[in-house]
Amino acid sequence: MKKVAIVTVAVLALGLAACNKNEAANNTANETAVENNAETDVNAATTDATNAADTALNAAGNEVNAAGNAVENASNAVDNATH
């Protein structure tokens, strides 16, 4: 009976040790998943910010072009009025 108890305790100890190893592996996997998700979020935010900046710069460029065209049209109107 003592041998059965000793074997049982040994098996339970090995099982517990195995669970602890899996827990460490699971914790590592969870940390990796969190880091990967955070990286994905940062990349998405960076992409959104870049796209917003590009859109704003394009809009500003269009406004500058429109202002240039208005100046050119006004200059042409002055030339036409004086000739």
PDB file of N, CA and C in Angstrom:
ATOM      1  N   MET A   1       0.822  -1.197   0.000  1.00  0.00           N
ATOM      2  CA  MET A   1       0.000   0.000   0.000  1.00  0.00           C
ATOM      3  C   MET A   1       0.863   1.258   0.000  1.00  0.00           C
ATOM      4  N   LYS A   2       1.999   1.180   0.724  1.00  0.00           N
ATOM      5  CA  LYS A   2       2.889   2.331   0.744  1.00  0.00           C
ATOM      6  C   LYS A   2       3.441   2.614  -0.646  1.00  0.00           C
ATOM      7  N   LYS A   3       3.744   1.546  -1.398  1.00  0.00           N
ATOM      8  CA  LYS A   3       4.282   1.737  -2.745  1.00  0.00           C
ATOM      9  C   LYS A   3       3.253   2.429  -3.640  1.00  0.00           C
ATOM     10  N   VAL A   4       2.007   2.029  -3.508  1.00  0.00           N
ATOM     11  CA  VAL A   4       0.943   2.646  -4.309  1.00  0.00           C
ATOM     12  C   VAL A   4       0.824   4.123  -3.952  1.00  0.00           C
ATOM     13  N   ALA A   5       0.888   4.439  -2.675  1.00  0.00           N
ATOM     14  CA  ALA A   5       0.796   5.830  -2.239  1.00  0.00           C
ATOM     15  C   ALA A   5       1.984   6.639  -2.747  1.00  0.00           C
ATOM     16  N   ILE A   6       3.167   6.056  -2.689  1.00  0.00           N
ATOM     17  CA  ILE A   6       4.371   6.750  -3.156  1.00  0.00           C
ATOM     18  C   ILE A   6       4.301   6.974  -4.661  1.00  0.00           C
ATOM     19  N   VAL A   7       3.872   5.951  -5.384  1.00  0.00           N
ATOM     20  CA  VAL A   7       3.739   6.091  -6.839  1.00  0.00           C
ATOM     21  C   VAL A   7       2.685   7.136  -7.170  1.00  0.00           C
ATOM     22  N   THR A   8       1.583   7.123  -6.439  1.00  0.00           N
ATOM     23  CA  THR A   8       0.513   8.096  -6.666  1.00  0.00           C
ATOM     24  C   THR A   8       1.007   9.520  -6.421  1.00  0.00           C
ATOM     25  N   VAL A   9       1.722   9.722  -5.339  1.00  0.00           N
ATOM     26  CA  VAL A   9       2.273  11.041  -5.033  1.00  0.00           C
ATOM     27  C   VAL A   9       3.268  11.456  -6.101  1.00  0.00           C
ATOM     28  N   ALA A  10       4.089  10.545  -6.550  1.00  0.00           N
ATOM     29  CA  ALA A  10       5.070  10.856  -7.594  1.00  0.00           C
ATOM     30  C   ALA A  10       4.378  11.254  -8.892  1.00  0.00           C
ATOM     31  N   VAL A  11       3.351  10.513  -9.264  1.00  0.00           N
ATOM     32  CA  VAL A  11       2.610  10.829 -10.490  1.00  0.00           C
ATOM     33  C   VAL A  11       1.937  12.186 -10.366  1.00  0.00           C
ATOM     34  N   LEU A  12       1.329  12.455  -9.234  1.00  0.00           N
ATOM     35  CA  LEU A  12       0.680  13.754  -9.027  1.00  0.00           C
ATOM     36  C   LEU A  12       1.695  14.891  -9.061  1.00  0.00           C
ATOM     37  N   ALA A  13       2.868  14.662  -8.475  1.00  0.00           N
ATOM     38  CA  ALA A  13       3.915  15.683  -8.490  1.00  0.00           C
ATOM     39  C   ALA A  13       4.379  15.959  -9.914  1.00  0.00           C
ATOM     40  N   LEU A  14       4.550  14.898 -10.702  1.00  0.00           N
ATOM     41  CA  LEU A  14       4.940  15.092 -12.101  1.00  0.00           C
ATOM     42  C   LEU A  14       3.852  15.836 -12.878  1.00  0.00           C
ATOM     43  N   GLY A  15       2.600  15.463 -12.611  1.00  0.00           N
ATOM     44  CA  GLY A  15       1.489  16.147 -13.272  1.00  0.00           C
ATOM     45  C   GLY A  15       1.441  17.616 -12.914  1.00  0.00           C
ATOM     46  N   LEU A  16       1.667  17.926 -11.647  1.00  0.00           N
ATOM     47  CA  LEU A  16       1.673  19.314 -11.203  1.00  0.00           C
ATOM     48  C   LEU A  16       2.837  20.068 -11.826  1.00  0.00           C
ATOM     49  N   ALA A  17       3.989  19.445 -11.885  1.00  0.00           N
ATOM     50  CA  ALA A  17       5.152  20.076 -12.510  1.00  0.00           C
ATOM     51  C   ALA A  17       4.886  20.348 -13.984  1.00  0.00           C
ATOM     52  N   ALA A  18       4.240  19.399 -14.640  1.00  0.00           N
ATOM     53  CA  ALA A  18       3.917  19.587 -16.057  1.00  0.00           C
ATOM     54  C   ALA A  18       2.937  20.735 -16.244  1.00  0.00           C
ATOM     55  N   CYS A  19       1.979  20.859 -15.349  1.00  0.00           N
ATOM     56  CA  CYS A  19       1.018  21.963 -15.433  1.00  0.00           C
ATOM     57  C   CYS A  19       1.721  23.297 -15.256  1.00  0.00           C
ATOM     58  N   ASN A  20       2.644  23.363 -14.351  1.00  0.00           N
ATOM     59  CA  ASN A  20       3.365  24.615 -14.129  1.00  0.00           C
ATOM     60  C   ASN A  20       4.167  25.002 -15.362  1.00  0.00           C
ATOM     61  N   LYS A  21       4.766  24.028 -16.027  1.00  0.00           N
ATOM     62  CA  LYS A  21       5.512  24.324 -17.248  1.00  0.00           C
ATOM     63  C   LYS A  21       4.570  24.842 -18.326  1.00  0.00           C
ATOM     64  N   ASN A  22       3.403  24.221 -18.447  1.00  0.00           N
ATOM     65  CA  ASN A  22       2.436  24.685 -19.438  1.00  0.00           C
ATOM     66  C   ASN A  22       1.943  26.079 -19.098  1.00  0.00           C
ATOM     67  N   GLU A  23       1.793  26.343 -17.815  1.00  0.00           N
ATOM     68  CA  GLU A  23       1.341  27.678 -17.414  1.00  0.00           C
ATOM     69  C   GLU A  23       2.359  28.727 -17.839  1.00  0.00           C
ATOM     70  N   ALA A  24       3.626  28.422 -17.657  1.00  0.00           N
ATOM     71  CA  ALA A  24       4.670  29.355 -18.082  1.00  0.00           C
ATOM     72  C   ALA A  24       4.637  29.544 -19.593  1.00  0.00           C
ATOM     73  N   ALA A  25       4.466  28.456 -20.307  1.00  0.00           N
ATOM     74  CA  ALA A  25       4.386  28.544 -21.774  1.00  0.00           C
ATOM     75  C   ALA A  25       3.156  29.332 -22.195  1.00  0.00           C
ATOM     76  N   ASN A  26       2.036  29.083 -21.495  1.00  0.00           N
ATOM     77  CA  ASN A  26       0.813  29.830 -21.813  1.00  0.00           C
ATOM     78  C   ASN A  26       0.978  31.315 -21.513  1.00  0.00           C
ATOM     79  N   ASN A  27       1.637  31.631 -20.412  1.00  0.00           N
ATOM     80  CA  ASN A  27       1.874  33.038 -20.088  1.00  0.00           C
ATOM     81  C   ASN A  27       2.731  33.695 -21.160  1.00  0.00           C
ATOM     82  N   THR A  28       3.754  32.987 -21.611  1.00  0.00           N
ATOM     83  CA  THR A  28       4.612  33.521 -22.668  1.00  0.00           C
ATOM     84  C   THR A  28       3.816  33.722 -23.947  1.00  0.00           C
ATOM     85  N   ALA A  29       2.990  32.746 -24.278  1.00  0.00           N
ATOM     86  CA  ALA A  29       2.167  32.857 -25.487  1.00  0.00           C
ATOM     87  C   ALA A  29       1.197  34.026 -25.364  1.00  0.00           C
ATOM     88  N   ASN A  30       0.608  34.206 -24.176  1.00  0.00           N
ATOM     89  CA  ASN A  30      -0.324  35.319 -23.971  1.00  0.00           C
ATOM     90  C   ASN A  30       0.395  36.659 -24.077  1.00  0.00           C
ATOM     91  N   GLU A  31       1.586  36.744 -23.514  1.00  0.00           N
ATOM     92  CA  GLU A  31       2.347  37.989 -23.609  1.00  0.00           C
ATOM     93  C   GLU A  31       2.703  38.293 -25.054  1.00  0.00           C
ATOM     94  N   THR A  32       3.065  37.260 -25.785  1.00  0.00           N
ATOM     95  CA  THR A  32       3.385  37.446 -27.207  1.00  0.00           C
ATOM     96  C   THR A  32       2.153  37.913 -27.969  1.00  0.00           C
ATOM     97  N   ALA A  33       1.013  37.328 -27.670  1.00  0.00           N
ATOM     98  CA  ALA A  33      -0.228  37.735 -28.338  1.00  0.00           C
ATOM     99  C   ALA A  33      -0.561  39.187 -28.023  1.00  0.00           C
ATOM    100  N   VAL A  34      -0.385  39.580 -26.775  1.00  0.00           N
ATOM    101  CA  VAL A  34      -0.658  40.976 -26.387  1.00  0.00           C
ATOM    102  C   VAL A  34       0.285  41.912 -27.124  1.00  0.00           C
ATOM    103  N   GLU A  35       1.559  41.543 -27.185  1.00  0.00           N
ATOM    104  CA  GLU A  35       2.526  42.386 -27.892  1.00  0.00           C
ATOM    105  C   GLU A  35       2.198  42.477 -29.377  1.00  0.00           C
ATOM    106  N   ASN A  36       1.820  41.358 -29.974  1.00  0.00           N
ATOM    107  CA  ASN A  36       1.462  41.375 -31.396  1.00  0.00           C
ATOM    108  C   ASN A  36       0.234  42.240 -31.648  1.00  0.00           C
ATOM    109  N   ASN A  37      -0.764  42.130 -30.775  1.00  0.00           N
ATOM    110  CA  ASN A  37      -1.964  42.953 -30.928  1.00  0.00           C
ATOM    111  C   ASN A  37      -1.649  44.430 -30.741  1.00  0.00           C
ATOM    112  N   ALA A  38      -0.784  44.731 -29.796  1.00  0.00           N
ATOM    113  CA  ALA A  38      -0.392  46.126 -29.585  1.00  0.00           C
ATOM    114  C   ALA A  38       0.343  46.658 -30.809  1.00  0.00           C
ATOM    115  N   GLU A  39       1.213  45.848 -31.372  1.00  0.00           N
ATOM    116  CA  GLU A  39       1.947  46.266 -32.570  1.00  0.00           C
ATOM    117  C   GLU A  39       0.990  46.510 -33.732  1.00  0.00           C
ATOM    118  N   THR A  40       0.001  45.639 -33.862  1.00  0.00           N
ATOM    119  CA  THR A  40      -1.005  45.809 -34.914  1.00  0.00           C
ATOM    120  C   THR A  40      -1.773  47.109 -34.716  1.00  0.00           C
ATOM    121  N   ASP A  41      -2.146  47.404 -33.472  1.00  0.00           N
ATOM    122  CA  ASP A  41      -2.867  48.639 -33.180  1.00  0.00           C
ATOM    123  C   ASP A  41      -2.011  49.863 -33.492  1.00  0.00           C
ATOM    124  N   VAL A  42      -0.748  49.814 -33.119  1.00  0.00           N
ATOM    125  CA  VAL A  42       0.155  50.941 -33.392  1.00  0.00           C
ATOM    126  C   VAL A  42       0.326  51.132 -34.892  1.00  0.00           C
ATOM    127  N   ASN A  43       0.490  50.031 -35.610  1.00  0.00           N
ATOM    128  CA  ASN A  43       0.634  50.131 -37.062  1.00  0.00           C
ATOM    129  C   ASN A  43      -0.621  50.710 -37.711  1.00  0.00           C
ATOM    130  N   ALA A  44      -1.772  50.294 -37.235  1.00  0.00           N
ATOM    131  CA  ALA A  44      -3.028  50.822 -37.781  1.00  0.00           C
ATOM    132  C   ALA A  44      -3.158  52.311 -37.487  1.00  0.00           C
ATOM    133  N   ALA A  45      -2.809  52.704 -36.275  1.00  0.00           N
ATOM    134  CA  ALA A  45      -2.885  54.120 -35.917  1.00  0.00           C
ATOM    135  C   ALA A  45      -1.900  54.940 -36.747  1.00  0.00           C
ATOM    136  N   THR A  46      -0.720  54.393 -36.968  1.00  0.00           N
ATOM    137  CA  THR A  46       0.284  55.082 -37.784  1.00  0.00           C
ATOM    138  C   THR A  46      -0.208  55.235 -39.214  1.00  0.00           C
ATOM    139  N   THR A  47      -0.803  54.191 -39.740  1.00  0.00           N
ATOM    140  CA  THR A  47      -1.350  54.249 -41.098  1.00  0.00           C
ATOM    141  C   THR A  47      -2.458  55.287 -41.182  1.00  0.00           C
ATOM    142  N   ASP A  48      -3.342  55.299 -40.192  1.00  0.00           N
ATOM    143  CA  ASP A  48      -4.425  56.285 -40.181  1.00  0.00           C
ATOM    144  C   ASP A  48      -3.874  57.700 -40.117  1.00  0.00           C
ATOM    145  N   ALA A  49      -2.881  57.923 -39.272  1.00  0.00           N
ATOM    146  CA  ALA A  49      -2.292  59.254 -39.137  1.00  0.00           C
ATOM    147  C   ALA A  49      -1.603  59.674 -40.434  1.00  0.00           C
ATOM    148  N   THR A  50      -0.910  58.735 -41.057  1.00  0.00           N
ATOM    149  CA  THR A  50      -0.237  59.028 -42.326  1.00  0.00           C
ATOM    150  C   THR A  50      -1.248  59.374 -43.409  1.00  0.00           C
ATOM    151  N   ASN A  51      -2.322  58.598 -43.476  1.00  0.00           N
ATOM    152  CA  ASN A  51      -3.357  58.870 -44.478  1.00  0.00           C
ATOM    153  C   ASN A  51      -4.023  60.220 -44.234  1.00  0.00           C
ATOM    154  N   ALA A  52      -4.265  60.550 -42.978  1.00  0.00           N
ATOM    155  CA  ALA A  52      -4.879  61.843 -42.657  1.00  0.00           C
ATOM    156  C   ALA A  52      -3.941  62.986 -43.034  1.00  0.00           C
ATOM    157  N   ALA A  53      -2.650  62.813 -42.745  1.00  0.00           N
ATOM    158  CA  ALA A  53      -1.677  63.852 -43.101  1.00  0.00           C
ATOM    159  C   ALA A  53      -1.587  64.009 -44.611  1.00  0.00           C
ATOM    160  N   ASP A  54      -1.576  62.893 -45.349  1.00  0.00           N
ATOM    161  CA  ASP A  54      -1.533  62.955 -46.813  1.00  0.00           C
ATOM    162  C   ASP A  54      -2.761  63.670 -47.368  1.00  0.00           C
ATOM    163  N   THR A  55      -3.911  63.356 -46.805  1.00  0.00           N
ATOM    164  CA  THR A  55      -5.145  63.998 -47.252  1.00  0.00           C
ATOM    165  C   THR A  55      -5.102  65.504 -46.999  1.00  0.00           C
ATOM    166  N   ALA A  56      -4.620  65.881 -45.803  1.00  0.00           N
ATOM    167  CA  ALA A  56      -4.527  67.309 -45.474  1.00  0.00           C
ATOM    168  C   ALA A  56      -3.535  68.022 -46.392  1.00  0.00           C
ATOM    169  N   LEU A  57      -2.397  67.386 -46.650  1.00  0.00           N
ATOM    170  CA  LEU A  57      -1.411  67.996 -47.549  1.00  0.00           C
ATOM    171  C   LEU A  57      -1.947  68.123 -48.969  1.00  0.00           C
ATOM    172  N   ASN A  58      -2.668  67.117 -49.422  1.00  0.00           N
ATOM    173  CA  ASN A  58      -3.270  67.193 -50.761  1.00  0.00           C
ATOM    174  C   ASN A  58      -4.286  68.327 -50.832  1.00  0.00           C
ATOM    175  N   ALA A  59      -5.091  68.467 -49.798  1.00  0.00           N
ATOM    176  CA  ALA A  59      -6.088  69.546 -49.765  1.00  0.00           C
ATOM    177  C   ALA A  59      -5.397  70.905 -49.765  1.00  0.00           C
ATOM    178  N   ALA A  60      -4.327  71.022 -48.974  1.00  0.00           N
ATOM    179  CA  ALA A  60      -3.588  72.285 -48.937  1.00  0.00           C
ATOM    180  C   ALA A  60      -2.969  72.582 -50.299  1.00  0.00           C
ATOM    181  N   GLY A  61      -2.415  71.557 -50.932  1.00  0.00           N
ATOM    182  CA  GLY A  61      -1.837  71.741 -52.275  1.00  0.00           C
ATOM    183  C   GLY A  61      -2.889  72.178 -53.270  1.00  0.00           C
ATOM    184  N   ASN A  62      -4.075  71.609 -53.176  1.00  0.00           N
ATOM    185  CA  ASN A  62      -5.161  72.015 -54.075  1.00  0.00           C
ATOM    186  C   ASN A  62      -5.555  73.470 -53.849  1.00  0.00           C
ATOM    187  N   GLU A  63      -5.566  73.878 -52.592  1.00  0.00           N
ATOM    188  CA  GLU A  63      -5.898  75.281 -52.280  1.00  0.00           C
ATOM    189  C   GLU A  63      -4.830  76.236 -52.823  1.00  0.00           C
ATOM    190  N   VAL A  64      -3.581  75.841 -52.703  1.00  0.00           N
ATOM    191  CA  VAL A  64      -2.484  76.675 -53.240  1.00  0.00           C
ATOM    192  C   VAL A  64      -2.618  76.785 -54.754  1.00  0.00           C
ATOM    193  N   ASN A  65      -2.917  75.666 -55.413  1.00  0.00           N
ATOM    194  CA  ASN A  65      -3.114  75.700 -56.864  1.00  0.00           C
ATOM    195  C   ASN A  65      -4.284  76.591 -57.248  1.00  0.00           C
ATOM    196  N   ALA A  66      -5.360  76.495 -56.497  1.00  0.00           N
ATOM    197  CA  ALA A  66      -6.535  77.326 -56.788  1.00  0.00           C
ATOM    198  C   ALA A  66      -6.204  78.801 -56.600  1.00  0.00           C
ATOM    199  N   ALA A  67      -5.437  79.112 -55.548  1.00  0.00           N
ATOM    200  CA  ALA A  67      -5.047  80.509 -55.322  1.00  0.00           C
ATOM    201  C   ALA A  67      -4.141  81.000 -56.453  1.00  0.00           C
ATOM    202  N   GLY A  68      -3.242  80.146 -56.895  1.00  0.00           N
ATOM    203  CA  GLY A  68      -2.375  80.511 -58.022  1.00  0.00           C
ATOM    204  C   GLY A  68      -3.175  80.768 -59.282  1.00  0.00           C
ATOM    205  N   ASN A  69      -4.162  79.920 -59.518  1.00  0.00           N
ATOM    206  CA  ASN A  69      -5.023  80.114 -60.687  1.00  0.00           C
ATOM    207  C   ASN A  69      -5.813  81.409 -60.577  1.00  0.00           C
ATOM    208  N   ALA A  70      -6.268  81.739 -59.394  1.00  0.00           N
ATOM    209  CA  ALA A  70      -7.024  82.978 -59.203  1.00  0.00           C
ATOM    210  C   ALA A  70      -6.137  84.188 -59.482  1.00  0.00           C
ATOM    211  N   VAL A  71      -4.900  84.144 -59.030  1.00  0.00           N
ATOM    212  CA  VAL A  71      -3.958  85.246 -59.290  1.00  0.00           C
ATOM    213  C   VAL A  71      -3.708  85.358 -60.793  1.00  0.00           C
ATOM    214  N   GLU A  72      -3.499  84.236 -61.439  1.00  0.00           N
ATOM    215  CA  GLU A  72      -3.257  84.264 -62.886  1.00  0.00           C
ATOM    216  C   GLU A  72      -4.468  84.804 -63.634  1.00  0.00           C
ATOM    217  N   ASN A  73      -5.659  84.384 -63.214  1.00  0.00           N
ATOM    218  CA  ASN A  73      -6.877  84.889 -63.861  1.00  0.00           C
ATOM    219  C   ASN A  73      -7.046  86.385 -63.644  1.00  0.00           C
ATOM    220  N   ALA A  74      -6.727  86.849 -62.443  1.00  0.00           N
ATOM    221  CA  ALA A  74      -6.823  88.286 -62.173  1.00  0.00           C
ATOM    222  C   ALA A  74      -5.816  89.052 -63.016  1.00  0.00           C
ATOM    223  N   SER A  75      -4.608  88.509 -63.146  1.00  0.00           N
ATOM    224  CA  SER A  75      -3.592  89.154 -63.977  1.00  0.00           C
ATOM    225  C   SER A  75      -4.037  89.219 -65.428  1.00  0.00           C
ATOM    226  N   ASN A  76      -4.619  88.134 -65.910  1.00  0.00           N
ATOM    227  CA  ASN A  76      -5.135  88.121 -67.285  1.00  0.00           C
ATOM    228  C   ASN A  76      -6.263  89.124 -67.457  1.00  0.00           C
ATOM    229  N   ALA A  77      -7.097  89.254 -66.450  1.00  0.00           N
ATOM    230  CA  ALA A  77      -8.205  90.211 -66.531  1.00  0.00           C
ATOM    231  C   ALA A  77      -7.660  91.636 -66.604  1.00  0.00           C
ATOM    232  N   VAL A  78      -6.619  91.929 -65.832  1.00  0.00           N
ATOM    233  CA  VAL A  78      -5.999  93.263 -65.877  1.00  0.00           C
ATOM    234  C   VAL A  78      -5.399  93.519 -67.247  1.00  0.00           C
ATOM    235  N   ASP A  79      -4.686  92.501 -67.767  1.00  0.00           N
ATOM    236  CA  ASP A  79      -4.084  92.651 -69.109  1.00  0.00           C
ATOM    237  C   ASP A  79      -5.154  92.873 -70.150  1.00  0.00           C
ATOM    238  N   ASN A  80      -6.242  92.134 -70.076  1.00  0.00           N
ATOM    239  CA  ASN A  80      -7.316  92.292 -71.063  1.00  0.00           C
ATOM    240  C   ASN A  80      -7.975  93.655 -70.935  1.00  0.00           C
ATOM    241  N   ALA A  81      -8.090  94.176 -69.724  1.00  0.00           N
ATOM    242  CA  ALA A  81      -8.748  95.466 -69.529  1.00  0.00           C
ATOM    243  C   ALA A  81      -7.880  96.605 -70.042  1.00  0.00           C
ATOM    244  N   THR A  82      -6.572  96.419 -69.984  1.00  0.00           N
ATOM    245  CA  THR A  82      -5.679  97.502 -70.411  1.00  0.00           C
ATOM    246  C   THR A  82      -5.378  97.472 -71.890  1.00  0.00           C
ATOM    247  N   HIS A  83      -5.760  96.438 -72.586  1.00  0.00           N
ATOM    248  CA  HIS A  83      -5.461  96.359 -74.014  1.00  0.00           C
ATOM    249  C   HIS A  83      -6.678  96.580 -74.828  1.00  0.00           C
TER     250      HIS A  83
END
